[in-house]
Protein backbone atom coordinates (compact mmCIF):
# COMPACT_ATOMS: atom_id res chain seq x y z
CA UNK A 1 -0.04 0.01 -0.07
CA UNK A 2 1.50 3.26 -1.00
CA UNK A 3 2.45 5.51 1.91
CA UNK A 4 -0.34 8.00 3.26
CA UNK A 5 0.42 12.24 3.60
CA UNK A 6 -1.75 14.61 5.57
CA UNK A 7 -1.50 17.96 4.49
CA UNK A 8 -3.64 20.62 6.02
CA UNK A 9 -1.97 24.34 6.04
CA UNK A 10 -2.67 27.88 6.00
CA UNK A 11 0.76 28.57 4.49
CA UNK A 12 0.81 27.47 1.48
CA UNK A 13 4.26 28.51 0.70
CA UNK A 14 6.10 25.77 -1.30
CA UNK A 15 2.96 23.27 -0.99
CA UNK A 16 1.90 22.47 -4.37
CA UNK A 17 5.31 21.50 -5.80
CA UNK A 18 6.01 19.93 -2.65
CA UNK A 19 3.05 17.72 -2.84
CA UNK A 20 3.81 17.16 -6.63
CA UNK A 21 7.08 15.21 -5.33
CA UNK A 22 5.61 13.44 -2.75
CA UNK A 23 3.15 11.90 -5.40
CA UNK A 24 5.34 11.64 -8.57
CA UNK A 25 8.66 11.66 -6.80
CA UNK A 26 7.58 9.05 -3.69
CA UNK A 27 4.42 7.61 -4.39
CA UNK A 28 2.45 9.20 -1.50
CA UNK A 29 -1.36 9.21 -1.31
CA UNK A 30 -3.02 12.61 -0.43
CA UNK A 31 -5.51 13.75 2.36
CA UNK A 32 -6.21 16.73 3.14
CA UNK A 33 -8.92 19.24 4.11
CA UNK A 34 -10.42 23.01 3.51
CA UNK A 35 -8.26 25.45 1.48
CA UNK A 36 -5.50 23.04 1.15
CA UNK A 37 -7.75 20.15 -0.41
CA UNK A 38 -9.04 22.66 -2.89
CA UNK A 39 -5.48 24.20 -3.71
CA UNK A 40 -4.22 20.74 -4.30
CA UNK A 41 -7.20 19.66 -6.55
CA UNK A 42 -6.74 23.21 -8.35
CA UNK A 43 -3.10 22.27 -9.43
CA UNK A 44 -4.22 18.71 -10.43
CA UNK A 45 -3.16 16.51 -7.83
CA UNK A 46 -4.98 13.81 -7.09
CA UNK A 47 -6.24 14.43 -3.19
CA UNK A 48 -9.12 12.83 -0.56
CA UNK A 49 -10.68 15.31 1.32
CA UNK A 50 -10.57 14.43 5.19
CA UNK A 51 -14.50 14.66 5.16
CA UNK A 52 -14.55 11.77 2.44
CA UNK A 53 -12.15 9.65 4.19
CA UNK A 54 -13.74 9.90 7.62
CA UNK A 55 -17.04 9.85 5.90
CA UNK A 56 -18.13 12.62 8.30
CA UNK A 57 -18.77 16.06 7.10
CA UNK A 58 -16.87 19.25 7.95
CA UNK A 59 -19.53 21.04 11.00
CA UNK A 60 -19.42 24.14 12.79
CA UNK A 61 -18.51 26.63 9.82
CA UNK A 62 -15.30 24.45 9.53
CA UNK A 63 -14.36 24.30 13.33
CA UNK A 64 -14.48 20.79 13.34
CA UNK A 65 -12.54 19.04 10.68
CA UNK A 66 -10.00 16.67 11.56
CA UNK A 67 -10.65 15.85 14.94
CA UNK A 68 -11.80 12.30 13.67
CA UNK A 69 -10.41 8.97 14.85
CA UNK A 70 -9.59 7.53 11.56
CA UNK A 71 -7.09 10.71 11.29
CA UNK A 72 -5.77 10.77 15.04
CA UNK A 73 -5.77 6.85 14.83
CA UNK A 74 -3.42 6.73 11.64
CA UNK A 75 -1.13 9.18 13.09
CA UNK A 76 -0.77 7.83 16.87
CA UNK A 77 -0.83 4.08 15.70
CA UNK A 78 2.63 2.40 16.90
CA UNK A 79 3.22 0.32 13.89
CA UNK A 80 5.29 -2.04 16.31
CA UNK A 81 2.27 -2.96 18.59
CA UNK A 82 0.38 -5.58 17.71
CA UNK A 83 -2.80 -4.03 19.55
CA UNK A 84 -2.58 -0.57 17.70
CA UNK A 85 -1.91 -2.77 14.53
CA UNK A 86 -5.27 -4.82 15.00
CA UNK A 87 -6.90 -1.46 16.09
CA UNK A 88 -6.24 -0.10 12.49
CA UNK A 89 -6.85 -3.07 10.98
CA UNK A 90 -10.39 -3.31 12.59
CA UNK A 91 -11.85 -0.28 11.90
CA UNK A 92 -10.14 0.36 8.42
CA UNK A 93 -7.83 3.21 9.65
CA UNK A 94 -4.46 3.83 7.24
CA UNK A 95 -1.34 4.57 9.28
CA UNK A 96 -0.19 8.17 8.34
CA UNK A 97 3.35 8.49 7.16
CA UNK A 98 3.72 12.22 7.24
CA UNK A 99 1.93 15.06 8.68
CA UNK A 100 2.55 18.49 7.45
CA UNK A 101 0.27 20.96 9.13
CA UNK A 102 0.53 24.73 10.17
CA UNK A 103 -1.23 26.71 12.20
CA UNK A 104 -3.66 29.84 11.45
CA UNK A 105 -2.07 32.85 11.14
CA UNK A 106 -2.87 34.26 14.66
CA UNK A 107 0.04 36.23 15.59
CA UNK A 108 -0.66 38.39 11.75
CA UNK A 109 -4.35 38.69 12.70
CA UNK A 110 -4.05 40.33 16.05
CA UNK A 111 -0.86 43.00 14.61
CA UNK A 112 -3.47 44.37 11.96
CA UNK A 113 -4.96 47.44 12.90
CA UNK A 114 -8.58 47.51 14.56
CA UNK A 115 -8.36 44.12 15.02
CA UNK A 116 -11.69 42.85 17.21
CA UNK A 117 -11.57 39.87 19.72
CA UNK A 118 -13.88 38.05 17.84
CA UNK A 119 -11.48 38.13 14.88
CA UNK A 120 -8.56 37.50 16.90
CA UNK A 121 -10.31 33.98 18.14
CA UNK A 122 -11.83 32.49 15.11
CA UNK A 123 -7.93 32.58 14.36
CA UNK A 124 -7.41 30.53 17.14
CA UNK A 125 -6.32 26.80 15.77
CA UNK A 126 -7.74 23.65 17.64
CA UNK A 127 -7.35 20.71 15.03
CA UNK A 128 -3.64 21.96 13.92
CA UNK A 129 -2.16 21.72 17.39
CA UNK A 130 -3.87 18.34 17.89
CA UNK A 131 -2.46 16.53 14.74
CA UNK A 132 1.16 18.60 15.15
CA UNK A 133 1.47 16.92 18.66
CA UNK A 134 -0.06 13.41 17.99
CA UNK A 135 2.79 13.51 15.31
CA UNK A 136 5.60 14.41 17.02
CA UNK A 137 4.49 12.60 20.21
CA UNK A 138 4.71 9.28 17.60
CA UNK A 139 7.67 10.67 15.83
CA UNK A 140 8.83 7.25 16.20
CA UNK A 141 7.13 6.18 13.57
CA UNK A 142 5.92 8.90 10.95
CA UNK A 143 7.54 12.90 10.55
CA UNK A 144 5.85 15.80 11.45
CA UNK A 145 6.42 18.79 9.28
CA UNK A 146 5.01 22.50 10.37
CA UNK A 147 7.22 24.89 8.04
CA UNK A 148 7.74 25.34 4.75
CA UNK A 149 11.11 25.79 5.43
CA UNK A 150 11.27 21.69 6.15
CA UNK A 151 10.06 20.64 2.84
CA UNK A 152 13.55 20.41 1.20
CA UNK A 153 15.21 19.33 4.08
CA UNK A 154 12.45 16.36 4.26
CA UNK A 155 12.69 15.53 0.62
CA UNK A 156 16.55 15.55 0.50
CA UNK A 157 16.64 13.21 3.98
CA UNK A 158 14.05 10.70 2.50
CA UNK A 159 16.26 10.53 -0.68
CA UNK A 160 19.65 9.92 1.06
CA UNK A 161 17.71 7.34 3.42
CA UNK A 162 15.97 5.45 0.61
CA UNK A 163 12.25 7.06 1.45
CA UNK A 164 12.35 6.33 5.09
CA UNK A 165 13.81 9.61 7.24
CA UNK A 166 15.95 8.70 10.05
CA UNK A 167 14.50 8.36 13.37
CA UNK A 168 16.98 11.23 14.56
CA UNK A 169 15.70 13.23 11.92
CA UNK A 170 12.21 12.67 12.81
CA UNK A 171 12.94 13.85 16.65
CA UNK A 172 14.52 16.99 15.47
CA UNK A 173 11.18 17.55 13.70
CA UNK A 174 9.31 16.77 16.67
CA UNK A 175 10.99 18.98 18.89
CA UNK A 176 10.48 21.49 16.09
CA UNK A 177 6.92 20.82 16.52
CA UNK A 178 6.25 21.18 20.31
CA UNK A 179 7.94 24.40 20.33
CA UNK A 180 5.96 25.61 17.32
CA UNK A 181 2.95 25.07 19.35
CA UNK A 182 4.29 25.96 22.64
CA UNK A 183 5.31 29.42 20.81
CA UNK A 184 1.47 29.47 18.95
CA UNK A 185 -0.05 28.72 22.81
CA UNK A 186 1.50 31.43 24.30
CA UNK A 187 1.08 33.96 21.77
CA UNK A 188 -2.81 33.57 22.26
CA UNK A 189 -2.37 33.45 26.15
CA UNK A 190 -0.47 36.78 26.08
CA UNK A 191 -3.09 38.38 23.75
CA UNK A 192 -5.89 37.30 25.76
CA UNK A 193 -4.02 38.77 28.91
CA UNK A 194 -3.90 42.03 27.24
CA UNK A 195 -7.25 41.85 26.15
CA UNK A 196 -8.69 40.72 29.37
CA UNK A 197 -10.58 43.64 31.59
CA UNK A 198 -11.30 41.07 35.03
CA UNK A 199 -7.47 39.76 35.54
CA UNK A 200 -7.19 42.14 38.14
CA UNK A 201 -10.72 40.99 39.86
CA UNK A 202 -8.82 37.14 40.13
CA UNK A 203 -6.52 36.23 43.14
CA UNK A 204 -3.34 35.54 42.34
CA UNK A 205 -1.48 32.26 42.67
CA UNK A 206 1.09 32.54 45.68
CA UNK A 207 3.86 30.01 47.32
CA UNK A 208 2.14 28.88 50.31
CA UNK A 209 1.82 30.57 53.63
CA UNK A 210 5.37 29.13 55.50
CA UNK A 211 6.99 30.09 52.76
CA UNK A 212 5.56 33.97 52.41
CA UNK A 213 6.76 34.12 56.36
CA UNK A 214 10.29 33.78 55.56
CA UNK A 215 13.27 36.92 55.91
CA UNK A 216 13.23 37.14 52.36
CA UNK A 217 9.55 37.38 51.83
CA UNK A 218 9.20 40.00 54.74
CA UNK A 219 11.90 41.80 52.99
CA UNK A 220 9.38 42.36 49.81
CA UNK A 221 7.52 45.31 50.34
CA UNK A 222 6.22 45.88 46.74
CA UNK A 223 3.38 43.72 47.48
CA UNK A 224 3.84 42.29 43.70
CA UNK A 225 4.21 38.59 42.83
CA UNK A 226 5.06 36.39 39.91
CA UNK A 227 2.99 33.13 38.94
CA UNK A 228 4.51 29.80 39.87
CA UNK A 229 4.91 29.19 35.83
CA UNK A 230 7.15 31.55 34.03
CA UNK A 231 8.27 31.01 30.43
CA UNK A 232 10.62 32.60 27.80
CA UNK A 233 9.50 32.55 24.15
CA UNK A 234 10.51 34.72 21.24
CA UNK A 235 10.90 35.30 17.64
CA UNK A 236 14.19 35.51 15.97
CA UNK A 237 14.52 39.04 14.82
CA UNK A 238 18.12 39.25 13.54
CA UNK A 239 21.21 36.91 13.69
CA UNK A 240 23.94 39.41 15.51
CA UNK A 241 27.76 39.30 14.34
CA UNK A 242 28.23 37.86 17.81
CA UNK A 243 27.84 38.05 21.40
CA UNK A 244 29.75 39.95 24.38
CA UNK A 245 32.76 38.82 22.49
CA UNK A 246 33.78 37.43 18.89
CA UNK A 247 33.90 33.47 19.71
CA UNK A 248 29.94 34.11 21.09
CA UNK A 249 27.32 33.72 18.31
CA UNK A 250 24.19 35.85 19.30
CA UNK A 251 20.80 36.83 18.07
CA UNK A 252 18.17 39.38 18.61
CA UNK A 253 14.68 38.04 19.84
CA UNK A 254 11.40 39.81 19.89
CA UNK A 255 9.03 38.17 23.36
CA UNK A 256 5.99 39.43 22.27
CA UNK A 257 3.20 39.03 19.77
CA UNK A 258 3.62 42.72 18.33
CA UNK A 259 6.81 44.46 17.99
CA UNK A 260 7.68 46.80 20.71
CA UNK A 261 10.38 48.23 22.27
CA UNK A 262 13.63 48.68 20.28
CA UNK A 263 12.07 46.61 17.71
CA UNK A 264 9.80 50.12 16.75
CA UNK A 265 12.93 51.78 16.38
CA UNK A 266 13.86 53.54 13.10
CA UNK A 267 17.93 53.63 12.31
CA UNK A 268 18.22 56.90 10.65
CA UNK A 269 22.15 56.00 10.15
CA UNK A 270 25.31 53.77 10.61
CA UNK A 271 26.36 50.23 11.18
CA UNK A 272 23.93 47.19 12.11
CA UNK A 273 23.27 47.17 15.51
CA UNK A 274 25.42 44.69 17.67
CA UNK A 275 24.52 42.71 21.08
CA UNK A 276 26.96 45.12 22.79
CA UNK A 277 25.14 47.93 21.46
CA UNK A 278 21.64 46.53 22.55
CA UNK A 279 22.55 45.80 25.96
CA UNK A 280 24.06 49.72 26.89
CA UNK A 281 21.19 51.14 24.49
CA UNK A 282 18.83 49.53 27.06
CA UNK A 283 20.54 50.79 29.93
CA UNK A 284 21.19 53.87 28.55
CA UNK A 285 16.88 54.16 28.17
CA UNK A 286 15.95 53.09 31.59
CA UNK A 287 18.24 55.60 33.12
CA UNK A 288 17.00 58.15 30.29
CA UNK A 289 13.10 57.11 31.78
CA UNK A 290 14.48 58.49 35.16
CA UNK A 291 13.85 62.16 34.00
CA UNK A 292 10.78 62.76 31.30
CA UNK A 293 10.32 66.53 32.06
CA UNK A 294 13.83 68.74 32.08
CA UNK A 295 16.09 68.37 29.12
CA UNK A 296 18.45 65.55 29.89
CA UNK A 297 21.01 63.51 28.56
CA UNK A 298 23.07 60.35 29.63
CA UNK A 299 26.08 58.66 28.32
CA UNK A 300 27.32 55.33 28.89
CA UNK A 301 30.06 52.87 28.58
CA UNK A 302 29.79 48.90 29.28
CA UNK A 303 26.19 49.47 30.89
CA UNK A 304 27.60 52.31 33.65
CA UNK A 305 26.78 56.01 33.11
CA UNK A 306 30.40 58.34 32.79
CA UNK A 307 28.29 61.21 32.77
CA UNK A 308 24.42 62.86 33.50
CA UNK A 309 23.09 65.82 33.27
CA UNK A 310 19.80 68.56 32.99
CA UNK A 311 20.16 71.77 31.18
CA UNK A 312 17.59 74.07 29.96
CA UNK A 313 18.47 73.17 26.36
CA UNK A 314 19.08 69.66 25.12
CA UNK A 315 22.89 70.71 24.21
CA UNK A 316 23.48 71.84 27.46
CA UNK A 317 22.51 69.04 28.79
CA UNK A 318 24.53 66.80 26.57
CA UNK A 319 27.55 69.33 26.90
CA UNK A 320 27.97 68.97 30.39
CA UNK A 321 27.13 65.25 30.38
CA UNK A 322 30.00 65.04 28.42
CA UNK A 323 32.18 67.53 30.00
CA UNK A 324 31.53 65.36 33.50
CA UNK A 325 33.88 62.62 31.73
CA UNK A 326 35.34 63.48 28.46
CA UNK A 327 37.64 60.17 28.70
CA UNK A 328 35.39 57.24 29.05
CA UNK A 329 32.50 59.19 26.55
CA UNK A 330 34.74 58.56 23.89
CA UNK A 331 32.94 55.50 22.20
CA UNK A 332 30.18 56.18 24.26
CA UNK A 333 25.70 55.48 24.24
CA UNK A 334 24.24 58.64 24.29
CA UNK A 335 20.77 58.72 25.45
CA UNK A 336 18.87 62.06 24.88
CA UNK A 337 14.84 62.84 26.34
CA UNK A 338 14.03 65.41 23.63
CA UNK A 339 14.39 65.22 20.00
CA UNK A 340 17.82 66.03 18.60
CA UNK A 341 17.93 70.09 17.28
CA UNK A 342 21.01 71.38 15.04
CA UNK A 343 22.98 72.30 18.18
CA UNK A 344 22.91 69.05 19.70
CA UNK A 345 23.79 67.44 16.78
CA UNK A 346 26.48 69.81 15.94
CA UNK A 347 27.98 68.77 19.66
CA UNK A 348 27.29 65.54 18.95
CA UNK A 349 29.45 65.55 16.01
CA UNK A 350 32.61 66.43 17.87
CA UNK A 351 33.82 63.10 19.04
CA UNK A 352 33.36 59.35 18.17
CA UNK A 353 30.03 57.58 19.36
CA UNK A 354 28.82 54.35 19.44
CA UNK A 355 25.24 55.39 19.23
CA UNK A 356 23.20 57.53 19.72
CA UNK A 357 19.21 57.57 20.56
CA UNK A 358 16.33 59.92 20.79
CA UNK A 359 12.55 59.95 20.58
CA UNK A 360 12.63 61.99 17.42
CA UNK A 361 15.58 64.04 15.34
CA UNK A 362 14.71 67.37 13.08
CA UNK A 363 15.39 66.85 9.63
CA UNK A 364 18.68 69.24 9.57
CA UNK A 365 19.78 67.67 12.71
CA UNK A 366 19.62 64.60 10.60
CA UNK A 367 21.68 66.37 7.89
CA UNK A 368 24.11 67.64 10.68
CA UNK A 369 24.66 63.96 12.07
CA UNK A 370 25.52 62.32 8.58
CA UNK A 371 28.71 64.14 8.80
CA UNK A 372 29.62 61.14 11.35
CA UNK A 373 27.84 58.43 8.71
CA UNK A 374 29.45 55.59 11.04
CA UNK A 375 27.50 56.64 14.23
CA UNK A 376 24.42 54.71 14.95
CA UNK A 377 21.43 57.14 15.22
CA UNK A 378 18.30 55.76 16.56
CA UNK A 379 14.77 57.38 17.04
CA UNK A 380 12.81 55.75 19.47
CA UNK A 381 9.74 57.43 19.91
CA UNK A 382 8.79 56.04 23.21
CA UNK A 383 11.51 56.01 25.56
CA UNK A 384 9.53 54.97 29.14
CA UNK A 385 8.34 51.46 27.95
CA UNK A 386 10.39 49.01 29.07
CA UNK A 387 10.24 45.32 30.78
CA UNK A 388 7.69 44.10 33.82
CA UNK A 389 10.08 42.04 34.62
CA UNK A 390 13.71 41.22 34.43
CA UNK A 391 15.01 37.55 34.08
CA UNK A 392 18.80 36.27 34.62
CA UNK A 393 19.45 33.07 33.29
CA UNK A 394 21.32 30.49 36.01
CA UNK A 395 21.95 26.70 35.45
CA UNK A 396 19.17 24.47 35.22
CA UNK A 397 16.53 27.09 35.31
CA UNK A 398 15.71 31.13 35.24
CA UNK A 399 15.64 34.09 38.01
CA UNK A 400 12.77 36.49 37.41
CA UNK A 401 11.58 39.90 39.32
CA UNK A 402 9.65 42.65 39.47
CA UNK A 403 11.27 45.31 36.87
CA UNK A 404 12.91 48.25 39.50
CA UNK A 405 10.90 50.36 37.42
CA UNK A 406 8.70 53.80 38.91
CA UNK A 407 9.41 56.93 39.71
CA UNK A 408 11.25 58.13 42.50
CA UNK A 409 10.02 60.78 45.12
CA UNK A 410 11.12 62.77 48.11
CA UNK A 411 7.90 61.68 50.12
CA UNK A 412 8.98 59.12 51.91
CA UNK A 413 12.51 60.15 52.69
CA UNK A 414 13.58 60.96 56.41
CA UNK A 415 16.61 63.49 57.28
CA UNK A 416 18.00 61.57 59.82
CA UNK A 417 20.99 64.66 60.73
CA UNK A 418 20.25 67.81 62.98
CA UNK A 419 21.14 69.58 59.61
CA UNK A 420 18.08 69.81 57.34
CA UNK A 421 18.71 69.76 54.00
CA UNK A 422 17.85 72.90 52.14
CA UNK A 423 14.97 72.89 49.14
CA UNK A 424 17.91 72.89 46.62
CA UNK A 425 20.13 70.22 48.32
CA UNK A 426 16.70 68.15 48.08
CA UNK A 427 16.40 68.66 44.45
CA UNK A 428 20.02 67.74 43.85
CA UNK A 429 20.39 64.49 46.12
CA UNK A 430 17.15 63.27 43.84
CA UNK A 431 18.87 63.92 40.87
CA UNK A 432 21.93 61.73 42.10
CA UNK A 433 19.56 59.03 43.91
CA UNK A 434 18.24 58.42 39.97
CA UNK A 435 21.38 57.99 38.68
CA UNK A 436 22.42 56.17 41.60
CA UNK A 437 19.79 53.59 40.65
CA UNK A 438 21.50 52.68 37.05
CA UNK A 439 24.92 52.39 38.33
CA UNK A 440 26.34 48.81 38.96
CA UNK A 441 26.45 48.13 42.85
CA UNK A 442 28.28 48.91 44.76
CA UNK A 443 27.20 52.32 43.36
CA UNK A 444 28.39 56.36 44.46
CA UNK A 445 27.42 59.34 42.83
CA UNK A 446 28.74 62.62 43.14
CA UNK A 447 26.60 65.27 41.87
CA UNK A 448 26.76 68.98 41.55
CA UNK A 449 24.26 71.75 39.71
CA UNK A 450 22.63 68.39 38.18
CA UNK A 451 25.48 67.17 36.65
CA UNK A 452 27.23 64.03 37.35
CA UNK A 453 30.73 64.71 38.66
CA UNK A 454 32.04 61.12 39.72
CA UNK A 455 30.73 57.75 39.49
CA UNK A 456 32.15 54.88 41.28
CA UNK A 457 30.63 51.65 40.32
CA UNK A 458 30.93 48.21 40.81
CA UNK A 459 33.41 47.68 43.06
CA UNK A 460 33.74 44.61 45.28
CA UNK A 461 33.52 47.18 48.69
CA UNK A 462 31.81 50.71 49.31
CA UNK A 463 34.78 52.24 50.57
CA UNK A 464 36.59 51.72 46.90
CA UNK A 465 33.42 52.83 45.33
CA UNK A 466 33.49 56.20 47.23
CA UNK A 467 37.36 56.74 46.89
CA UNK A 468 37.26 56.47 43.06
CA UNK A 469 34.00 58.68 42.98
CA UNK A 470 35.77 61.17 44.71
CA UNK A 471 38.93 61.20 43.02
CA UNK A 472 37.00 61.66 39.89
CA UNK A 473 34.79 64.92 41.58
CA UNK A 474 38.28 66.31 42.27
CA UNK A 475 38.01 70.09 43.77
CA UNK A 476 34.17 69.86 42.45
CA UNK A 477 33.09 68.18 45.17
CA UNK A 478 33.24 70.75 47.27
CA UNK A 479 29.69 71.66 47.97
CA UNK A 480 28.50 68.42 45.79
CA UNK A 481 26.11 65.89 47.17
CA UNK A 482 26.69 62.17 47.31
CA UNK A 483 24.39 59.38 46.70
CA UNK A 484 25.00 55.38 47.34
CA UNK A 485 22.85 52.74 46.32
CA UNK A 486 23.32 50.81 49.79
CA UNK A 487 23.99 51.33 53.39
CA UNK A 488 26.92 52.55 54.63
CA UNK A 489 28.26 49.45 57.44
CA UNK A 490 30.96 52.12 58.84
CA UNK A 491 31.43 55.77 59.00
CA UNK A 492 34.98 55.81 57.16
CA UNK A 493 33.09 56.78 53.74
CA UNK A 494 31.18 59.30 55.23
CA UNK A 495 34.66 61.13 56.95
CA UNK A 496 35.99 60.51 53.33
CA UNK A 497 33.35 62.43 51.70
CA UNK A 498 33.04 65.22 54.60
CA UNK A 499 37.26 65.50 53.59
CA UNK A 500 36.41 66.32 50.37
CA UNK A 501 33.89 69.12 51.05
CA UNK A 502 30.59 66.98 50.47
CA UNK A 503 27.91 68.76 52.09
CA UNK A 504 24.97 65.67 51.66
CA UNK A 505 24.27 62.50 51.52
CA UNK A 506 21.48 59.78 50.65
CA UNK A 507 21.20 56.54 51.33
CA UNK A 508 18.82 53.82 52.12
CA UNK A 509 19.65 53.22 55.55
CA UNK A 510 19.13 49.85 57.33
CA UNK A 511 22.59 49.01 58.61
CA UNK A 512 22.64 47.99 62.30
CA UNK A 513 25.51 50.68 62.59
CA UNK A 514 22.64 53.65 61.31
CA UNK A 515 22.72 55.67 64.69
CA UNK A 516 26.66 55.10 64.76
CA UNK A 517 26.76 56.48 60.84
CA UNK A 518 23.94 59.41 61.40
CA UNK A 519 26.26 60.23 64.78
CA UNK A 520 29.50 60.93 62.64
CA UNK A 521 27.45 63.05 60.04
CA UNK A 522 26.24 64.87 62.93
CA UNK A 523 29.43 65.75 64.03
CA UNK A 524 31.05 66.75 60.31
CA UNK A 525 27.99 68.97 59.92
CA UNK A 526 26.55 66.98 57.14
CA UNK A 527 23.01 66.30 55.76
CA UNK A 528 22.03 62.73 55.43
CA UNK A 529 18.87 61.82 53.91
CA UNK A 530 17.41 58.11 54.29
CA UNK A 531 15.12 56.89 51.87
CA UNK A 532 13.90 53.44 52.96
CA UNK A 533 14.54 51.69 49.66
CA UNK A 534 17.81 50.74 48.05
CA UNK A 535 18.70 50.11 44.45
CA UNK A 536 21.13 47.42 43.96
CA UNK A 537 21.84 46.53 40.08
CA UNK A 538 24.26 43.50 39.83
């Protein structure tokens, strides 16, 4: 008996040629449903409709076509199990050797403007995933293909192996099939969640009460929770030249069903984005998001800010940020919170930069920037929409946390020293605190006139970070403020700051030696403000 192939595809790319070769070169019989059967018949290919094969018509407007024992029995039957073979013979079911199925275009549908929930629901495939999963489960006895890109590989495999694909090939196809249906289901779940107005009324699934009473749980003050099941999936947007280093392959994936974030950015000029560019750009976006009002500029190297400033104009903010550490700014990543204008474009062309991102760019500014054609200039209209969670891959799993987002305010700050801060000092402390949030721990930031003048990042102890930041600030530290992302366990850093001329310090507090640190600040005449919240960034 001829081998049997079941074809039921939404994406008909390459279908006719592939089916023709199955029939003419490999001797397959074809069964098919709906539009696929019509397309094959129109091409003059011999095909049996699923409804004729099962003896049961398509019903419910085509919602039920392939959900039938003659279909799923033929797919799931184990050819080396006597009982299965007997069942096939008793019910006149032919074993199916090849399942070629791809799914309704759900993601393409929801990406269209004005699509309704009802439209989207009709593009949720039921029979397709059932056939794909059944065939993938039984890969020991048949092959499943769910992407037109697999057709040539299948034909080559069959010819090489003498009409029967190797089990290793079938297993790879099965793995791809399960990934395909998993991504499909995840896209549907994500869309339905985005459309739901009732989700907030359902209780969160949480951990047992005994775990909620742990010290770690008691530290979590946000009131937010994460699901017990956390999955990641993405569609590859672009293969990157390499990752952090040339020996590391890398790719850029989009995680949502609709393009968002950096996938929506427009590149005005410059070379292709690299892995490191994208990592740095995201760090820059997160930092500039802290300053939605006054013109602001941030320059980063290796995800750490080397210069951040506010100004009365965008060019003033950029020049102040650049001059904060001109050496480190060379080859840096620049984020601007306002459209690039002509004066700012002129300033940007005075040095070598890797990337510049802003919400917009005037036509004249764009012309000016062309003088530095290798600089990557990106337009990202929405610089404020980031991920709701951050994820870190570890051996055998992953860690997920609610992102450290949300505007910091002074509402819950507490002045713990005898000397009270002026309004100007509070404004400066808030600026420094926001920048410190985006510096690798242990983070120390020294600022004055809403411009960074010293940054100590990523040191193994806070004393080292304080030393680096104060040395960079130099004489400018006199009258400046200092922000620390974590508490001070000892007063040595407080004494060093006062000796350099620092007037005010902001830190989260929480050390068992807080009072000793506060006493030293009082002795030295400093202002010290405690936020009650830390911003570690590892």
